[in-house]
Amino acid sequence: MRALCGAGLFGAFGIAPAALAADYQGEKVAEFVREMTQDYGFASEQLVEMLAQAERKQAILDAISRPAERVKPWKEYRPIFITDSRVAQGVDFWRENQAALARAEQEYGVPAEVIVAIIGVETFYGRNTGSYRVIDALSTLGFDYPPRQPFFRQQLKEFLLLAREEQVDPLTLTGSYAGAMGLPQFMPSSFRAYAVDFDADGRIDIWKNPVDAIGSAANYFKQHGWTADEPVVARATVKGERHSDGLTEGLEPVKNAAELRQLGWQWQSDKNMADDTAVTAFRLDGADGDEYWVGLPNFYVITRYNRSVMYAMAVHQLAEQLAQARGTP
């Protein structure tokens, strides 16, 4: 796709000199502007003019700085995402986008129900994609939130690059308070790395085009190692005094199946799993007591989308219920 350079970026979007609040101008953004002009060929005057139209949002700083709420146990977390409404509307989304989902499954090897579940958990099938301008979110966090300033400033760079590459007005795109965008809630770096023009119309639109969102989510999974026709998790039983030594700290699968067996873990698909299979072992506080699970390589792929065991389990179990409700084997 043709990229706009220099003055073309802003001239094409009709961005006029702004006499607005100008929260981001002057020395505050001078270093950032120098990097963008030197490294990526942006016109400094017009970049300054565009950033002057970005608005500092205290609500964004409040949201990201808010003390973390009590981590919900699985028995409270699961009912948030596994609901009759989310399943029913997911089946509707699946039916409406059946062709795109079938093609994504064929091209990337990711089951349709998993793609639908990701979009369902992230944005309720596009109903909750965020209402902040991305330029406001990333400028606010990139310049006024020191704890993660480098990350969000890099995302601001990626955002301006994607706007240039996709020939869209950076002042109009919206997303979450953290700058996540569209139906699949991609950060700008993920958009540039994994988003695809799945309907081949010449542009990538993950905001309003479910076909592009579907292809992009499937590509993300494929590029992170999803293996077609492989399981995601196995329910386990444990015995012996050493079983707790098998629990994974963090998300990285640092143990293999053989090591877990030696520590007293067993699961139904045990006989079909190679000894050297990398696994994540975890315990959840379920409605009926402790649940022990073995996460397989595809489970780890889901955690690459959102680094949370409970998130990955919610996606997996929603996918299972979607497939069951739709009658998929």
Protein backbone atom coordinates (compact mmCIF):
# COMPACT_ATOMS: atom_id res chain seq x y z
CA MET A 1 0.00 0.00 0.00
CA ARG A 2 1.34 3.45 -0.87
CA ALA A 3 2.78 5.27 2.16
CA LEU A 4 2.41 9.00 2.56
CA CYS A 5 5.55 10.90 3.50
CA GLY A 6 6.25 14.29 4.96
CA ALA A 7 3.62 16.87 4.16
CA GLY A 8 1.51 14.27 2.44
CA LEU A 9 0.56 12.67 5.73
CA PHE A 10 -1.29 15.66 7.02
CA GLY A 11 -2.31 17.25 3.76
CA ALA A 12 -4.17 14.10 2.82
CA PHE A 13 -6.10 14.18 6.06
CA GLY A 14 -6.92 17.86 5.87
CA ILE A 15 -5.37 18.62 9.26
CA ALA A 16 -5.40 22.35 9.70
CA PRO A 17 -3.36 24.43 12.15
CA ALA A 18 -4.99 24.10 15.54
CA ALA A 19 -5.73 26.76 18.09
CA LEU A 20 -6.85 24.15 20.63
CA ALA A 21 -5.69 23.33 24.14
CA ALA A 22 -2.31 22.22 22.73
CA ASP A 23 -1.50 19.88 25.61
CA TYR A 24 1.34 18.34 23.63
CA GLN A 25 3.64 20.87 22.04
CA GLY A 26 6.89 22.66 22.70
CA GLU A 27 9.81 21.00 24.46
CA LYS A 28 7.54 18.34 25.91
CA VAL A 29 7.43 16.53 22.59
CA ALA A 30 10.52 17.94 20.89
CA GLU A 31 12.63 14.81 21.40
CA PHE A 32 9.81 12.60 20.13
CA VAL A 33 9.36 14.77 17.05
CA ARG A 34 13.10 14.69 16.33
CA GLU A 35 13.09 10.89 16.46
CA MET A 36 10.11 10.65 14.12
CA THR A 37 11.60 13.07 11.60
CA GLN A 38 15.09 11.58 11.68
CA ASP A 39 14.12 7.91 11.80
CA TYR A 40 10.91 7.86 9.76
CA GLY A 41 10.89 10.97 7.56
CA PHE A 42 7.95 12.81 9.10
CA ALA A 43 7.78 16.57 8.57
CA SER A 44 8.51 18.12 11.96
CA GLU A 45 6.27 21.18 11.66
CA GLN A 46 3.25 19.15 10.69
CA LEU A 47 3.96 16.49 13.32
CA VAL A 48 4.10 19.20 15.99
CA GLU A 49 0.83 20.60 14.65
CA MET A 50 -0.85 17.21 14.80
CA LEU A 51 0.37 16.44 18.33
CA ALA A 52 -0.88 19.85 19.43
CA GLN A 53 -4.36 18.54 18.69
CA ALA A 54 -3.91 15.58 21.02
CA GLU A 55 -5.62 16.08 24.38
CA ARG A 56 -4.36 15.05 27.77
CA LYS A 57 -7.08 12.95 29.41
CA GLN A 58 -7.07 12.74 33.18
CA ALA A 59 -9.60 9.91 32.96
CA ILE A 60 -6.97 7.82 31.16
CA LEU A 61 -4.37 8.49 33.85
CA ASP A 62 -6.93 7.70 36.53
CA ALA A 63 -7.86 4.42 34.85
CA ILE A 64 -4.32 3.16 34.42
CA SER A 65 -3.14 4.39 37.83
CA ARG A 66 -6.09 3.03 39.77
CA PRO A 67 -4.95 0.51 42.35
CA ALA A 68 -5.54 -2.97 41.06
CA GLU A 69 -8.80 -4.39 42.22
CA ARG A 70 -8.79 -7.62 44.16
CA VAL A 71 -7.89 -10.40 41.80
CA LYS A 72 -11.07 -12.34 41.27
CA PRO A 73 -10.91 -16.09 41.78
CA TRP A 74 -11.88 -18.27 38.84
CA LYS A 75 -15.32 -18.95 40.27
CA GLU A 76 -16.07 -15.19 40.04
CA TYR A 77 -14.06 -14.42 36.89
CA ARG A 78 -15.57 -17.14 34.71
CA PRO A 79 -19.21 -15.97 34.98
CA ILE A 80 -18.22 -12.57 33.61
CA PHE A 81 -17.40 -14.06 30.20
CA ILE A 82 -19.21 -17.39 30.06
CA THR A 83 -22.82 -16.24 29.86
CA ASP A 84 -25.85 -17.27 27.84
CA SER A 85 -25.89 -13.85 26.20
CA ARG A 86 -22.25 -13.97 25.15
CA VAL A 87 -22.71 -17.46 23.76
CA ALA A 88 -25.92 -16.59 21.89
CA GLN A 89 -24.52 -13.41 20.40
CA GLY A 90 -21.32 -15.24 19.54
CA VAL A 91 -23.31 -17.79 17.56
CA ASP A 92 -24.99 -14.88 15.75
CA PHE A 93 -21.59 -13.32 14.98
CA TRP A 94 -20.36 -16.69 13.73
CA ARG A 95 -23.37 -17.12 11.45
CA GLU A 96 -23.05 -13.58 10.06
CA ASN A 97 -19.35 -14.05 9.31
CA GLN A 98 -19.34 -17.74 8.49
CA ALA A 99 -17.45 -17.45 5.20
CA ALA A 100 -14.63 -15.32 6.64
CA LEU A 101 -14.27 -17.57 9.68
CA ALA A 102 -14.14 -20.71 7.55
CA ARG A 103 -11.48 -19.17 5.33
CA ALA A 104 -9.44 -18.00 8.32
CA GLU A 105 -9.60 -21.48 9.80
CA GLN A 106 -8.42 -22.97 6.53
CA GLU A 107 -5.60 -20.47 5.95
CA TYR A 108 -4.30 -20.11 9.51
CA GLY A 109 -5.39 -23.34 11.18
CA VAL A 110 -7.20 -21.54 14.02
CA PRO A 111 -10.70 -22.89 14.76
CA ALA A 112 -13.55 -20.51 14.05
CA GLU A 113 -14.84 -20.80 17.62
CA VAL A 114 -11.49 -19.63 19.02
CA ILE A 115 -11.48 -16.55 16.79
CA VAL A 116 -15.07 -15.76 17.75
CA ALA A 117 -14.26 -16.27 21.44
CA ILE A 118 -11.32 -13.86 21.32
CA ILE A 119 -13.48 -11.14 19.78
CA GLY A 120 -16.26 -12.01 22.22
CA VAL A 121 -14.07 -11.70 25.31
CA GLU A 122 -12.24 -8.61 24.06
CA THR A 123 -15.13 -6.46 22.83
CA PHE A 124 -18.38 -8.45 23.03
CA TYR A 125 -18.27 -8.91 19.25
CA GLY A 126 -17.51 -5.26 18.57
CA ARG A 127 -19.98 -3.70 20.98
CA ASN A 128 -17.32 -2.39 23.40
CA THR A 129 -14.29 -1.28 21.41
CA GLY A 130 -13.48 1.88 23.41
CA SER A 131 -14.37 5.49 22.84
CA TYR A 132 -11.07 7.31 23.44
CA ARG A 133 -9.19 8.77 20.52
CA VAL A 134 -6.07 6.63 20.18
CA ILE A 135 -3.93 9.73 19.72
CA ASP A 136 -5.17 11.05 23.09
CA ALA A 137 -4.63 7.74 24.87
CA LEU A 138 -1.10 7.18 23.61
CA SER A 139 -0.02 10.81 24.00
CA THR A 140 -1.37 10.95 27.54
CA LEU A 141 0.36 7.72 28.54
CA GLY A 142 3.48 8.34 26.46
CA PHE A 143 4.18 11.79 27.88
CA ASP A 144 2.38 11.89 31.24
CA TYR A 145 2.61 8.38 32.70
CA PRO A 146 6.25 7.78 33.76
CA PRO A 147 5.85 4.16 34.96
CA ARG A 148 5.26 2.90 31.40
CA GLN A 149 6.27 5.91 29.35
CA PRO A 150 8.76 4.10 27.07
CA PHE A 151 6.20 1.45 26.11
CA PHE A 152 3.42 3.89 25.29
CA ARG A 153 5.73 6.30 23.51
CA GLN A 154 6.80 3.41 21.29
CA GLN A 155 3.14 2.60 20.68
CA LEU A 156 2.58 6.23 19.69
CA LYS A 157 5.34 5.88 17.11
CA GLU A 158 3.79 2.68 15.82
CA PHE A 159 0.39 4.37 15.67
CA LEU A 160 1.63 7.27 13.56
CA LEU A 161 3.38 4.85 11.25
CA LEU A 162 0.27 2.72 10.78
CA ALA A 163 -1.81 5.84 10.12
CA ARG A 164 0.66 6.82 7.39
CA GLU A 165 0.80 3.32 5.94
CA GLU A 166 -2.97 2.85 5.95
CA GLN A 167 -3.67 6.44 4.86
CA VAL A 168 -6.09 7.12 7.70
CA ASP A 169 -6.50 10.21 9.83
CA PRO A 170 -4.75 9.59 13.18
CA LEU A 171 -7.08 12.06 14.86
CA THR A 172 -10.18 9.98 14.15
CA LEU A 173 -9.27 6.44 15.23
CA THR A 174 -10.64 5.30 18.59
CA GLY A 175 -9.86 2.58 21.10
CA SER A 176 -9.47 1.74 24.76
CA TYR A 177 -7.92 4.00 27.39
CA ALA A 178 -4.64 2.14 26.77
CA GLY A 179 -4.77 2.55 22.99
CA ALA A 180 -6.01 -0.96 22.08
CA MET A 181 -7.99 -0.82 18.86
CA GLY A 182 -10.88 -2.40 17.04
CA LEU A 183 -12.79 -5.64 17.43
CA PRO A 184 -9.67 -7.65 18.37
CA GLN A 185 -8.18 -4.83 20.51
CA PHE A 186 -4.77 -4.70 18.83
CA MET A 187 -2.13 -2.31 20.11
CA PRO A 188 -0.51 -0.36 17.26
CA SER A 189 2.61 -2.57 17.23
CA SER A 190 0.41 -5.67 16.93
CA PHE A 191 -1.58 -4.02 14.15
CA ARG A 192 1.56 -3.35 12.12
CA ALA A 193 2.92 -6.85 12.74
CA TYR A 194 -0.19 -9.02 12.42
CA ALA A 195 -3.22 -7.16 11.01
CA VAL A 196 -4.20 -8.27 7.52
CA ASP A 197 -6.42 -7.02 4.71
CA PHE A 198 -8.48 -10.20 4.79
CA ASP A 199 -11.17 -9.02 2.38
CA ALA A 200 -8.58 -7.64 -0.08
CA ASP A 201 -10.23 -4.24 -0.44
CA GLY A 202 -6.92 -2.36 -0.26
CA ARG A 203 -7.02 -1.33 3.39
CA ILE A 204 -6.96 -2.89 6.83
CA ASP A 205 -9.96 -1.95 8.96
CA ILE A 206 -10.24 -3.77 12.30
CA TRP A 207 -12.65 -1.15 13.66
CA LYS A 208 -15.71 -1.67 11.47
CA ASN A 209 -14.80 -4.57 9.21
CA PRO A 210 -15.25 -7.94 10.95
CA VAL A 211 -13.62 -9.75 8.03
CA ASP A 212 -10.32 -7.94 8.57
CA ALA A 213 -10.66 -8.38 12.34
CA ILE A 214 -11.19 -12.12 11.93
CA GLY A 215 -8.21 -12.58 9.63
CA SER A 216 -6.02 -10.42 11.83
CA ALA A 217 -6.82 -12.32 15.03
CA ALA A 218 -6.23 -15.64 13.28
CA ASN A 219 -2.91 -14.41 11.87
CA TYR A 220 -1.84 -13.27 15.35
CA PHE A 221 -2.46 -16.75 16.72
CA LYS A 222 -0.71 -18.45 13.81
CA GLN A 223 2.34 -16.22 14.07
CA HIS A 224 2.58 -16.95 17.79
CA GLY A 225 2.69 -20.68 17.23
CA TRP A 226 -0.87 -21.99 17.14
CA THR A 227 -0.92 -25.60 15.90
CA ALA A 228 -4.00 -26.79 14.05
CA ASP A 229 -5.97 -29.73 15.43
CA GLU A 230 -4.07 -29.77 18.73
CA PRO A 231 -5.78 -29.54 22.15
CA VAL A 232 -5.58 -26.50 24.41
CA VAL A 233 -5.82 -27.82 27.98
CA ALA A 234 -6.34 -31.06 29.89
CA ARG A 235 -8.11 -31.40 33.24
CA ALA A 236 -5.74 -33.02 35.72
CA THR A 237 -5.80 -34.92 38.98
CA VAL A 238 -2.95 -34.71 41.46
CA LYS A 239 -1.59 -36.93 44.17
CA GLY A 240 1.41 -37.07 46.46
CA GLU A 241 3.23 -34.49 48.50
CA ARG A 242 5.15 -33.04 45.56
CA HIS A 243 2.27 -32.17 43.25
CA SER A 244 2.41 -28.48 44.20
CA ASP A 245 5.99 -28.37 42.91
CA GLY A 246 4.53 -28.85 39.45
CA LEU A 247 2.59 -25.58 39.49
CA THR A 248 3.99 -23.09 37.01
CA GLU A 249 5.19 -19.73 38.29
CA GLY A 250 4.23 -17.17 35.70
CA LEU A 251 3.14 -18.27 32.24
CA GLU A 252 6.24 -19.66 30.56
CA PRO A 253 6.00 -23.46 30.16
CA VAL A 254 9.20 -24.30 32.02
CA LYS A 255 8.33 -27.97 32.67
CA ASN A 256 7.48 -30.77 30.31
CA ALA A 257 4.86 -33.51 30.54
CA ALA A 258 7.28 -36.13 31.88
CA GLU A 259 8.40 -33.87 34.73
CA LEU A 260 4.81 -33.14 35.65
CA ARG A 261 3.92 -36.83 35.76
CA GLN A 262 6.84 -37.48 38.11
CA LEU A 263 5.42 -34.88 40.48
CA GLY A 264 2.06 -36.66 40.71
CA TRP A 265 0.02 -35.08 37.92
CA GLN A 266 -2.22 -37.15 35.67
CA TRP A 267 -4.65 -36.18 32.93
CA GLN A 268 -6.98 -37.93 30.56
CA SER A 269 -4.95 -37.38 27.37
CA ASP A 270 -1.75 -38.47 29.13
CA LYS A 271 -1.05 -41.40 26.84
CA ASN A 272 -1.17 -39.22 23.74
CA MET A 273 1.20 -36.55 25.02
CA ALA A 274 4.92 -36.79 24.31
CA ASP A 275 7.22 -36.61 27.32
CA ASP A 276 8.93 -33.47 26.03
CA THR A 277 5.71 -31.49 25.48
CA ALA A 278 6.08 -28.08 27.12
CA VAL A 279 3.25 -27.52 29.60
CA THR A 280 1.87 -24.90 31.94
CA ALA A 281 0.41 -26.37 35.15
CA PHE A 282 -2.01 -24.32 37.20
CA ARG A 283 -4.68 -24.49 39.87
CA LEU A 284 -7.92 -22.52 39.78
CA ASP A 285 -10.36 -21.78 42.58
CA GLY A 286 -13.48 -23.20 40.98
CA ALA A 287 -17.09 -23.15 42.10
CA ASP A 288 -16.73 -26.74 43.34
CA GLY A 289 -13.25 -26.40 44.78
CA ASP A 290 -9.72 -26.54 43.40
CA GLU A 291 -9.33 -27.34 39.71
CA TYR A 292 -6.01 -28.55 38.31
CA TRP A 293 -5.23 -27.98 34.67
CA VAL A 294 -2.42 -28.67 32.24
CA GLY A 295 -2.03 -25.98 29.61
CA LEU A 296 -0.60 -27.24 26.32
CA PRO A 297 1.29 -25.22 23.69
CA ASN A 298 -1.92 -23.78 22.18
CA PHE A 299 -2.92 -22.58 25.65
CA TYR A 300 0.35 -20.68 25.87
CA VAL A 301 -0.47 -19.05 22.52
CA ILE A 302 -3.71 -17.67 23.98
CA THR A 303 -1.74 -16.18 26.89
CA ARG A 304 0.40 -14.32 24.37
CA TYR A 305 -2.74 -12.38 23.44
CA ASN A 306 -3.37 -11.46 27.08
CA ARG A 307 -0.93 -12.57 29.75
CA SER A 308 -3.41 -14.18 32.09
CA VAL A 309 -4.21 -17.82 32.81
CA MET A 310 -7.83 -16.97 33.63
CA TYR A 311 -8.20 -14.93 30.44
CA ALA A 312 -6.93 -17.86 28.37
CA MET A 313 -9.26 -20.25 30.17
CA ALA A 314 -12.21 -17.92 29.57
CA VAL A 315 -11.41 -17.78 25.86
CA HIS A 316 -11.04 -21.55 25.68
CA GLN A 317 -14.22 -22.36 27.56
CA LEU A 318 -16.25 -19.75 25.68
CA ALA A 319 -14.95 -21.30 22.45
CA GLU A 320 -16.07 -24.73 23.63
CA GLN A 321 -19.55 -23.46 24.43
CA LEU A 322 -19.80 -21.60 21.12
CA ALA A 323 -18.92 -24.76 19.23
CA GLN A 324 -21.43 -26.77 21.24
CA ALA A 325 -24.19 -24.20 20.77
CA ARG A 326 -23.58 -24.05 17.05
CA GLY A 327 -23.36 -27.81 16.74
CA THR A 328 -19.72 -27.98 15.66
CA PRO A 329 -18.02 -31.32 16.32
